[in-house]
Each structure stands twice: as C-alpha cells, then as structure tokens.
Amino acid sequence: GQFTGITNSGWTQVTASFTPASFDDGVLYFETA
C-alpha cells in the first residue's frame, strides 16, 4: 500500500487489501516512501 495525503496535522485512515506470496519468514511494516 502507498498512502498519500498523510499530514502532520491530523490522522488519516488507510486501508489495504493484499494476498501475500509464499515466504519462510515475513515482516510487515510501515515506512515512508
């Protein structure tokens, strides 16, 4: 997911729907672009 419109003055609700490919180990994380 790439969520735009994120500001420093208020909260933004983000949503993503995804189907992960296979993995032995997985780490899900939020980051900047």
Full PDB file with SEQRES, HELIX, SHEET, SSBOND, CRYST1, ORIGX, SCALE, CONECT and MASTER records, all heavy atoms in Angstrom:
SEQRES   1 A   33  GLY GLN PHE THR GLY ILE THR ASN SER GLY TRP THR GLN          
SEQRES   2 A   33  VAL THR ALA SER PHE THR PRO ALA SER PHE ASP ASP GLY          
SEQRES   3 A   33  VAL LEU TYR PHE GLU THR ALA                                  
CRYST1    1.000    1.000    1.000  90.00  90.00  90.00 P 1           1          
ORIGX1      1.000000  0.000000  0.000000        0.00000                         
ORIGX2      0.000000  1.000000  0.000000        0.00000                         
ORIGX3      0.000000  0.000000  1.000000        0.00000                         
SCALE1      1.000000  0.000000  0.000000        0.00000                         
SCALE2      0.000000  1.000000  0.000000        0.00000                         
SCALE3      0.000000  0.000000  1.000000        0.00000                         
ATOM      1  N   GLY A   1       0.828  -1.195   0.000  1.00  0.00           N  
ATOM      2  CA  GLY A   1       0.000   0.000   0.000  1.00  0.00           C  
ATOM      3  C   GLY A   1       0.861   1.243   0.000  1.00  0.00           C  
ATOM      4  O   GLY A   1       1.912   1.271   0.645  1.00  0.00           O  
ATOM      5  N   GLN A   2       0.454   2.237  -0.778  1.00  0.00           N  
ATOM      6  CA  GLN A   2       1.110   3.541  -0.804  1.00  0.00           C  
ATOM      7  C   GLN A   2       0.044   4.573  -0.466  1.00  0.00           C  
ATOM      8  O   GLN A   2      -0.875   4.798  -1.253  1.00  0.00           O  
ATOM      9  CB  GLN A   2       1.721   3.828  -2.170  1.00  0.00           C  
ATOM     10  CG  GLN A   2       2.814   2.847  -2.547  1.00  0.00           C  
ATOM     11  CD  GLN A   2       3.375   3.116  -3.933  1.00  0.00           C  
ATOM     12  OE1 GLN A   2       2.803   3.848  -4.720  1.00  0.00           O  
ATOM     13  NE2 GLN A   2       4.514   2.508  -4.220  1.00  0.00           N  
ATOM     14  N   PHE A   3       0.166   5.165   0.704  1.00  0.00           N  
ATOM     15  CA  PHE A   3      -0.877   6.046   1.221  1.00  0.00           C  
ATOM     16  C   PHE A   3      -0.406   7.500   1.136  1.00  0.00           C  
ATOM     17  O   PHE A   3       0.568   7.868   1.786  1.00  0.00           O  
ATOM     18  CB  PHE A   3      -1.226   5.661   2.654  1.00  0.00           C  
ATOM     19  CG  PHE A   3      -1.429   4.178   2.830  1.00  0.00           C  
ATOM     20  CD1 PHE A   3      -0.586   3.434   3.628  1.00  0.00           C  
ATOM     21  CD2 PHE A   3      -2.455   3.521   2.169  1.00  0.00           C  
ATOM     22  CE1 PHE A   3      -0.762   2.068   3.802  1.00  0.00           C  
ATOM     23  CE2 PHE A   3      -2.640   2.152   2.325  1.00  0.00           C  
ATOM     24  CZ  PHE A   3      -1.791   1.422   3.140  1.00  0.00           C  
ATOM     25  N   THR A   4      -1.099   8.290   0.331  1.00  0.00           N  
ATOM     26  CA  THR A   4      -0.738   9.686   0.148  1.00  0.00           C  
ATOM     27  C   THR A   4      -1.645  10.572   1.003  1.00  0.00           C  
ATOM     28  O   THR A   4      -2.629  10.097   1.576  1.00  0.00           O  
ATOM     29  CB  THR A   4      -0.856  10.087  -1.336  1.00  0.00           C  
ATOM     30  OG1 THR A   4      -2.205   9.858  -1.769  1.00  0.00           O  
ATOM     31  CG2 THR A   4       0.095   9.267  -2.197  1.00  0.00           C  
ATOM     32  N   GLY A   5      -1.310  11.829   1.059  1.00  0.00           N  
ATOM     33  CA  GLY A   5      -2.130  12.775   1.820  1.00  0.00           C  
ATOM     34  C   GLY A   5      -1.912  12.692   3.315  1.00  0.00           C  
ATOM     35  O   GLY A   5      -2.726  13.195   4.093  1.00  0.00           O  
ATOM     36  N   ILE A   6      -0.816  12.068   3.746  1.00  0.00           N  
ATOM     37  CA  ILE A   6      -0.529  11.945   5.173  1.00  0.00           C  
ATOM     38  C   ILE A   6       0.106  13.261   5.634  1.00  0.00           C  
ATOM     39  O   ILE A   6       1.116  13.694   5.076  1.00  0.00           O  
ATOM     40  CB  ILE A   6       0.412  10.757   5.455  1.00  0.00           C  
ATOM     41  CG1 ILE A   6      -0.100   9.472   4.786  1.00  0.00           C  
ATOM     42  CG2 ILE A   6       0.600  10.571   6.955  1.00  0.00           C  
ATOM     43  CD1 ILE A   6      -1.490   9.053   5.180  1.00  0.00           C  
ATOM     44  N   THR A   7      -0.478  13.887   6.646  1.00  0.00           N  
ATOM     45  CA  THR A   7      -0.023  15.200   7.098  1.00  0.00           C  
ATOM     46  C   THR A   7       0.491  15.122   8.532  1.00  0.00           C  
ATOM     47  O   THR A   7       0.396  14.082   9.186  1.00  0.00           O  
ATOM     48  CB  THR A   7      -1.175  16.227   7.041  1.00  0.00           C  
ATOM     49  OG1 THR A   7      -2.134  15.886   8.048  1.00  0.00           O  
ATOM     50  CG2 THR A   7      -1.842  16.242   5.674  1.00  0.00           C  
ATOM     51  N   ASN A   8       0.985  16.265   9.000  1.00  0.00           N  
ATOM     52  CA  ASN A   8       1.432  16.358  10.389  1.00  0.00           C  
ATOM     53  C   ASN A   8       0.394  17.053  11.263  1.00  0.00           C  
ATOM     54  O   ASN A   8       0.666  17.392  12.400  1.00  0.00           O  
ATOM     55  CB  ASN A   8       2.777  17.088  10.467  1.00  0.00           C  
ATOM     56  CG  ASN A   8       2.698  18.500   9.913  1.00  0.00           C  
ATOM     57  OD1 ASN A   8       1.625  19.063   9.733  1.00  0.00           O  
ATOM     58  ND2 ASN A   8       3.859  19.071   9.619  1.00  0.00           N  
ATOM     59  N   SER A   9      -0.807  17.249  10.691  1.00  0.00           N  
ATOM     60  CA  SER A   9      -1.829  17.996  11.434  1.00  0.00           C  
ATOM     61  C   SER A   9      -3.080  17.187  11.771  1.00  0.00           C  
ATOM     62  O   SER A   9      -3.986  17.707  12.408  1.00  0.00           O  
ATOM     63  CB  SER A   9      -2.241  19.235  10.632  1.00  0.00           C  
ATOM     64  OG  SER A   9      -2.790  18.856   9.387  1.00  0.00           O  
ATOM     65  N   GLY A  10      -3.148  15.943  11.333  1.00  0.00           N  
ATOM     66  CA  GLY A  10      -4.327  15.138  11.644  1.00  0.00           C  
ATOM     67  C   GLY A  10      -4.144  13.697  11.212  1.00  0.00           C  
ATOM     68  O   GLY A  10      -3.252  13.367  10.436  1.00  0.00           O  
ATOM     69  N   TRP A  11      -4.992  12.851  11.744  1.00  0.00           N  
ATOM     70  CA  TRP A  11      -4.937  11.420  11.449  1.00  0.00           C  
ATOM     71  C   TRP A  11      -5.620  11.120  10.122  1.00  0.00           C  
ATOM     72  O   TRP A  11      -6.625  11.725   9.777  1.00  0.00           O  
ATOM     73  CB  TRP A  11      -5.626  10.626  12.562  1.00  0.00           C  
ATOM     74  CG  TRP A  11      -4.876  10.667  13.855  1.00  0.00           C  
ATOM     75  CD1 TRP A  11      -5.046  11.563  14.881  1.00  0.00           C  
ATOM     76  CD2 TRP A  11      -3.834   9.795  14.255  1.00  0.00           C  
ATOM     77  NE1 TRP A  11      -4.173  11.288  15.890  1.00  0.00           N  
ATOM     78  CE2 TRP A  11      -3.410  10.206  15.542  1.00  0.00           C  
ATOM     79  CE3 TRP A  11      -3.207   8.708  13.663  1.00  0.00           C  
ATOM     80  CZ2 TRP A  11      -2.397   9.557  16.239  1.00  0.00           C  
ATOM     81  CZ3 TRP A  11      -2.193   8.056  14.367  1.00  0.00           C  
ATOM     82  CH2 TRP A  11      -1.804   8.482  15.632  1.00  0.00           C  
ATOM     83  N   THR A  12      -5.083  10.122   9.397  1.00  0.00           N  
ATOM     84  CA  THR A  12      -5.660   9.640   8.144  1.00  0.00           C  
ATOM     85  C   THR A  12      -5.853   8.137   8.261  1.00  0.00           C  
ATOM     86  O   THR A  12      -4.916   7.412   8.631  1.00  0.00           O  
ATOM     87  CB  THR A  12      -4.717   9.938   6.949  1.00  0.00           C  
ATOM     88  OG1 THR A  12      -4.489  11.348   6.883  1.00  0.00           O  
ATOM     89  CG2 THR A  12      -5.308   9.438   5.649  1.00  0.00           C  
ATOM     90  N   GLN A  13      -7.057   7.673   7.946  1.00  0.00           N  
ATOM     91  CA  GLN A  13      -7.283   6.230   7.949  1.00  0.00           C  
ATOM     92  C   GLN A  13      -6.799   5.661   6.620  1.00  0.00           C  
ATOM     93  O   GLN A  13      -7.110   6.194   5.553  1.00  0.00           O  
ATOM     94  CB  GLN A  13      -8.750   5.882   8.149  1.00  0.00           C  
ATOM     95  CG  GLN A  13      -8.957   4.376   8.278  1.00  0.00           C  
ATOM     96  CD  GLN A  13     -10.393   4.000   8.572  1.00  0.00           C  
ATOM     97  OE1 GLN A  13     -11.327   4.632   8.098  1.00  0.00           O  
ATOM     98  NE2 GLN A  13     -10.576   2.955   9.366  1.00  0.00           N  
ATOM     99  N   VAL A  14      -6.023   4.578   6.695  1.00  0.00           N  
ATOM    100  CA  VAL A  14      -5.515   3.911   5.497  1.00  0.00           C  
ATOM    101  C   VAL A  14      -6.031   2.479   5.481  1.00  0.00           C  
ATOM    102  O   VAL A  14      -6.265   1.877   6.530  1.00  0.00           O  
ATOM    103  CB  VAL A  14      -3.976   3.946   5.439  1.00  0.00           C  
ATOM    104  CG1 VAL A  14      -3.467   5.385   5.356  1.00  0.00           C  
ATOM    105  CG2 VAL A  14      -3.347   3.234   6.633  1.00  0.00           C  
ATOM    106  N   THR A  15      -6.229   1.949   4.278  1.00  0.00           N  
ATOM    107  CA  THR A  15      -6.673   0.570   4.127  1.00  0.00           C  
ATOM    108  C   THR A  15      -5.900  -0.080   2.995  1.00  0.00           C  
ATOM    109  O   THR A  15      -5.496   0.583   2.035  1.00  0.00           O  
ATOM    110  CB  THR A  15      -8.182   0.470   3.809  1.00  0.00           C  
ATOM    111  OG1 THR A  15      -8.429   1.137   2.574  1.00  0.00           O  
ATOM    112  CG2 THR A  15      -9.012   1.110   4.904  1.00  0.00           C  
ATOM    113  N   ALA A  16      -5.693  -1.366   3.110  1.00  0.00           N  
ATOM    114  CA  ALA A  16      -5.030  -2.138   2.063  1.00  0.00           C  
ATOM    115  C   ALA A  16      -5.602  -3.549   2.071  1.00  0.00           C  
ATOM    116  O   ALA A  16      -5.895  -4.106   3.133  1.00  0.00           O  
ATOM    117  CB  ALA A  16      -3.526  -2.189   2.272  1.00  0.00           C  
ATOM    118  N   SER A  17      -5.765  -4.100   0.896  1.00  0.00           N  
ATOM    119  CA  SER A  17      -6.162  -5.494   0.735  1.00  0.00           C  
ATOM    120  C   SER A  17      -5.075  -6.150  -0.099  1.00  0.00           C  
ATOM    121  O   SER A  17      -4.710  -5.642  -1.159  1.00  0.00           O  
ATOM    122  CB  SER A  17      -7.517  -5.577   0.027  1.00  0.00           C  
ATOM    123  OG  SER A  17      -7.895  -6.924  -0.132  1.00  0.00           O  
ATOM    124  N   PHE A  18      -4.531  -7.251   0.401  1.00  0.00           N  
ATOM    125  CA  PHE A  18      -3.415  -7.888  -0.306  1.00  0.00           C  
ATOM    126  C   PHE A  18      -3.423  -9.389  -0.069  1.00  0.00           C  
ATOM    127  O   PHE A  18      -4.039  -9.889   0.870  1.00  0.00           O  
ATOM    128  CB  PHE A  18      -2.077  -7.281   0.130  1.00  0.00           C  
ATOM    129  CG  PHE A  18      -1.796  -7.382   1.607  1.00  0.00           C  
ATOM    130  CD1 PHE A  18      -1.101  -8.449   2.133  1.00  0.00           C  
ATOM    131  CD2 PHE A  18      -2.238  -6.391   2.476  1.00  0.00           C  
ATOM    132  CE1 PHE A  18      -0.844  -8.540   3.499  1.00  0.00           C  
ATOM    133  CE2 PHE A  18      -1.996  -6.456   3.844  1.00  0.00           C  
ATOM    134  CZ  PHE A  18      -1.286  -7.540   4.351  1.00  0.00           C  
ATOM    135  N   THR A  19      -2.743 -10.086  -0.956  1.00  0.00           N  
ATOM    136  CA  THR A  19      -2.595 -11.535  -0.864  1.00  0.00           C  
ATOM    137  C   THR A  19      -1.104 -11.833  -0.887  1.00  0.00           C  
ATOM    138  O   THR A  19      -0.473 -11.731  -1.942  1.00  0.00           O  
ATOM    139  CB  THR A  19      -3.298 -12.244  -2.041  1.00  0.00           C  
ATOM    140  OG1 THR A  19      -4.663 -11.833  -2.073  1.00  0.00           O  
ATOM    141  CG2 THR A  19      -3.230 -13.753  -1.889  1.00  0.00           C  
ATOM    142  N   PRO A  20      -0.509 -12.147   0.270  1.00  0.00           N  
ATOM    143  CA  PRO A  20       0.938 -12.349   0.288  1.00  0.00           C  
ATOM    144  C   PRO A  20       1.358 -13.586  -0.494  1.00  0.00           C  
ATOM    145  O   PRO A  20       0.690 -14.614  -0.471  1.00  0.00           O  
ATOM    146  CB  PRO A  20       1.265 -12.505   1.775  1.00  0.00           C  
ATOM    147  CG  PRO A  20      -0.018 -12.842   2.449  1.00  0.00           C  
ATOM    148  CD  PRO A  20      -1.116 -12.320   1.589  1.00  0.00           C  
ATOM    149  N   ALA A  21       2.480 -13.439  -1.206  1.00  0.00           N  
ATOM    150  CA  ALA A  21       3.101 -14.580  -1.875  1.00  0.00           C  
ATOM    151  C   ALA A  21       3.786 -15.438  -0.801  1.00  0.00           C  
ATOM    152  O   ALA A  21       3.864 -15.051   0.369  1.00  0.00           O  
ATOM    153  CB  ALA A  21       4.110 -14.083  -2.905  1.00  0.00           C  
ATOM    154  N   SER A  22       4.296 -16.585  -1.194  1.00  0.00           N  
ATOM    155  CA  SER A  22       4.870 -17.513  -0.214  1.00  0.00           C  
ATOM    156  C   SER A  22       6.142 -16.928   0.417  1.00  0.00           C  
ATOM    157  O   SER A  22       6.847 -16.122  -0.190  1.00  0.00           O  
ATOM    158  CB  SER A  22       5.166 -18.855  -0.865  1.00  0.00           C  
ATOM    159  OG  SER A  22       6.132 -18.696  -1.875  1.00  0.00           O  
ATOM    160  N   PHE A  23       6.390 -17.329   1.649  1.00  0.00           N  
ATOM    161  CA  PHE A  23       7.590 -16.908   2.373  1.00  0.00           C  
ATOM    162  C   PHE A  23       7.855 -17.890   3.501  1.00  0.00           C  
ATOM    163  O   PHE A  23       6.957 -18.565   3.991  1.00  0.00           O  
ATOM    164  CB  PHE A  23       7.454 -15.471   2.910  1.00  0.00           C  
ATOM    165  CG  PHE A  23       6.289 -15.255   3.839  1.00  0.00           C  
ATOM    166  CD1 PHE A  23       6.385 -15.521   5.199  1.00  0.00           C  
ATOM    167  CD2 PHE A  23       5.082 -14.775   3.357  1.00  0.00           C  
ATOM    168  CE1 PHE A  23       5.310 -15.308   6.056  1.00  0.00           C  
ATOM    169  CE2 PHE A  23       4.001 -14.554   4.202  1.00  0.00           C  
ATOM    170  CZ  PHE A  23       4.117 -14.823   5.561  1.00  0.00           C  
ATOM    171  N   ASP A  24       9.137 -17.966   3.892  1.00  0.00           N  
ATOM    172  CA  ASP A  24       9.518 -18.726   5.084  1.00  0.00           C  
ATOM    173  C   ASP A  24       9.388 -17.845   6.320  1.00  0.00           C  
ATOM    174  O   ASP A  24       8.947 -18.283   7.368  1.00  0.00           O  
ATOM    175  CB  ASP A  24      10.956 -19.246   4.964  1.00  0.00           C  
ATOM    176  CG  ASP A  24      11.137 -20.225   3.814  1.00  0.00           C  
ATOM    177  OD1 ASP A  24      10.167 -20.939   3.477  1.00  0.00           O  
ATOM    178  OD2 ASP A  24      12.242 -20.273   3.244  1.00  0.00           O  
ATOM    179  N   ASP A  25       9.835 -16.590   6.181  1.00  0.00           N  
ATOM    180  CA  ASP A  25       9.739 -15.593   7.245  1.00  0.00           C  
ATOM    181  C   ASP A  25       9.190 -14.312   6.636  1.00  0.00           C  
ATOM    182  O   ASP A  25       9.579 -13.932   5.522  1.00  0.00           O  
ATOM    183  CB  ASP A  25      11.106 -15.302   7.876  1.00  0.00           C  
ATOM    184  CG  ASP A  25      11.671 -16.513   8.594  1.00  0.00           C  
ATOM    185  OD1 ASP A  25      11.023 -16.980   9.546  1.00  0.00           O  
ATOM    186  OD2 ASP A  25      12.747 -16.981   8.205  1.00  0.00           O  
ATOM    187  N   GLY A  26       8.313 -13.635   7.364  1.00  0.00           N  
ATOM    188  CA  GLY A  26       7.738 -12.392   6.862  1.00  0.00           C  
ATOM    189  C   GLY A  26       7.688 -11.316   7.924  1.00  0.00           C  
ATOM    190  O   GLY A  26       7.420 -11.597   9.096  1.00  0.00           O  
ATOM    191  N   VAL A  27       7.967 -10.079   7.508  1.00  0.00           N  
ATOM    192  CA  VAL A  27       7.879  -8.920   8.396  1.00  0.00           C  
ATOM    193  C   VAL A  27       7.038  -7.869   7.681  1.00  0.00           C  
ATOM    194  O   VAL A  27       7.358  -7.458   6.564  1.00  0.00           O  
ATOM    195  CB  VAL A  27       9.269  -8.350   8.743  1.00  0.00           C  
ATOM    196  CG1 VAL A  27       9.141  -7.088   9.580  1.00  0.00           C  
ATOM    197  CG2 VAL A  27      10.109  -9.392   9.468  1.00  0.00           C  
ATOM    198  N   LEU A  28       5.957  -7.458   8.317  1.00  0.00           N  
ATOM    199  CA  LEU A  28       5.052  -6.442   7.781  1.00  0.00           C  
ATOM    200  C   LEU A  28       5.394  -5.126   8.470  1.00  0.00           C  
ATOM    201  O   LEU A  28       5.505  -5.076   9.696  1.00  0.00           O  
ATOM    202  CB  LEU A  28       3.606  -6.849   8.088  1.00  0.00           C  
ATOM    203  CG  LEU A  28       2.490  -6.005   7.514  1.00  0.00           C  
ATOM    204  CD1 LEU A  28       2.459  -6.115   5.994  1.00  0.00           C  
ATOM    205  CD2 LEU A  28       1.149  -6.457   8.094  1.00  0.00           C  
ATOM    206  N   TYR A  29       5.579  -4.053   7.673  1.00  0.00           N  
ATOM    207  CA  TYR A  29       5.955  -2.797   8.311  1.00  0.00           C  
ATOM    208  C   TYR A  29       5.469  -1.566   7.550  1.00  0.00           C  
ATOM    209  O   TYR A  29       5.230  -1.605   6.360  1.00  0.00           O  
ATOM    210  CB  TYR A  29       7.466  -2.716   8.536  1.00  0.00           C  
ATOM    211  CG  TYR A  29       8.332  -2.762   7.305  1.00  0.00           C  
ATOM    212  CD1 TYR A  29       8.841  -1.591   6.755  1.00  0.00           C  
ATOM    213  CD2 TYR A  29       8.668  -3.966   6.701  1.00  0.00           C  
ATOM    214  CE1 TYR A  29       9.654  -1.620   5.630  1.00  0.00           C  
ATOM    215  CE2 TYR A  29       9.481  -4.007   5.590  1.00  0.00           C  
ATOM    216  CZ  TYR A  29       9.980  -2.829   5.059  1.00  0.00           C  
ATOM    217  OH  TYR A  29      10.770  -2.863   3.948  1.00  0.00           O  
ATOM    218  N   PHE A  30       5.312  -0.476   8.314  1.00  0.00           N  
ATOM    219  CA  PHE A  30       5.012   0.840   7.780  1.00  0.00           C  
ATOM    220  C   PHE A  30       6.333   1.593   7.653  1.00  0.00           C  
ATOM    221  O   PHE A  30       7.176   1.529   8.551  1.00  0.00           O  
ATOM    222  CB  PHE A  30       4.089   1.633   8.722  1.00  0.00           C  
ATOM    223  CG  PHE A  30       2.677   1.129   8.750  1.00  0.00           C  
ATOM    224  CD1 PHE A  30       2.269   0.201   9.692  1.00  0.00           C  
ATOM    225  CD2 PHE A  30       1.748   1.592   7.826  1.00  0.00           C  
ATOM    226  CE1 PHE A  30       0.965  -0.249   9.732  1.00  0.00           C  
ATOM    227  CE2 PHE A  30       0.432   1.147   7.855  1.00  0.00           C  
ATOM    228  CZ  PHE A  30       0.044   0.216   8.808  1.00  0.00           C  
ATOM    229  N   GLU A  31       6.493   2.320   6.557  1.00  0.00           N  
ATOM    230  CA  GLU A  31       7.691   3.108   6.319  1.00  0.00           C  
ATOM    231  C   GLU A  31       7.301   4.335   5.503  1.00  0.00           C  
ATOM    232  O   GLU A  31       6.169   4.446   5.043  1.00  0.00           O  
ATOM    233  CB  GLU A  31       8.733   2.292   5.554  1.00  0.00           C  
ATOM    234  CG  GLU A  31       8.262   1.859   4.164  1.00  0.00           C  
ATOM    235  CD  GLU A  31       9.285   1.052   3.391  1.00  0.00           C  
ATOM    236  OE1 GLU A  31      10.493   1.237   3.604  1.00  0.00           O  
ATOM    237  OE2 GLU A  31       8.868   0.232   2.561  1.00  0.00           O  
ATOM    238  N   THR A  32       8.240   5.255   5.313  1.00  0.00           N  
ATOM    239  CA  THR A  32       7.994   6.354   4.392  1.00  0.00           C  
ATOM    240  C   THR A  32       8.418   5.911   2.995  1.00  0.00           C  
ATOM    241  O   THR A  32       9.033   4.859   2.828  1.00  0.00           O  
ATOM    242  CB  THR A  32       8.735   7.631   4.846  1.00  0.00           C  
ATOM    243  OG1 THR A  32      10.082   7.312   5.182  1.00  0.00           O  
ATOM    244  CG2 THR A  32       8.043   8.251   6.047  1.00  0.00           C  
ATOM    245  N   ALA A  33       8.074   6.706   1.984  1.00  0.00           N  
ATOM    246  CA  ALA A  33       8.268   6.323   0.581  1.00  0.00           C  
ATOM    247  C   ALA A  33       9.710   5.956   0.263  1.00  0.00           C  
ATOM    248  O   ALA A  33      10.648   6.624   0.698  1.00  0.00           O  
ATOM    249  CB  ALA A  33       7.804   7.452  -0.333  1.00  0.00           C  
TER     250      ALA A  33                                                      
MASTER        0    0    0    0    0    0    0    6  249    1    0    3          
END                                                                             
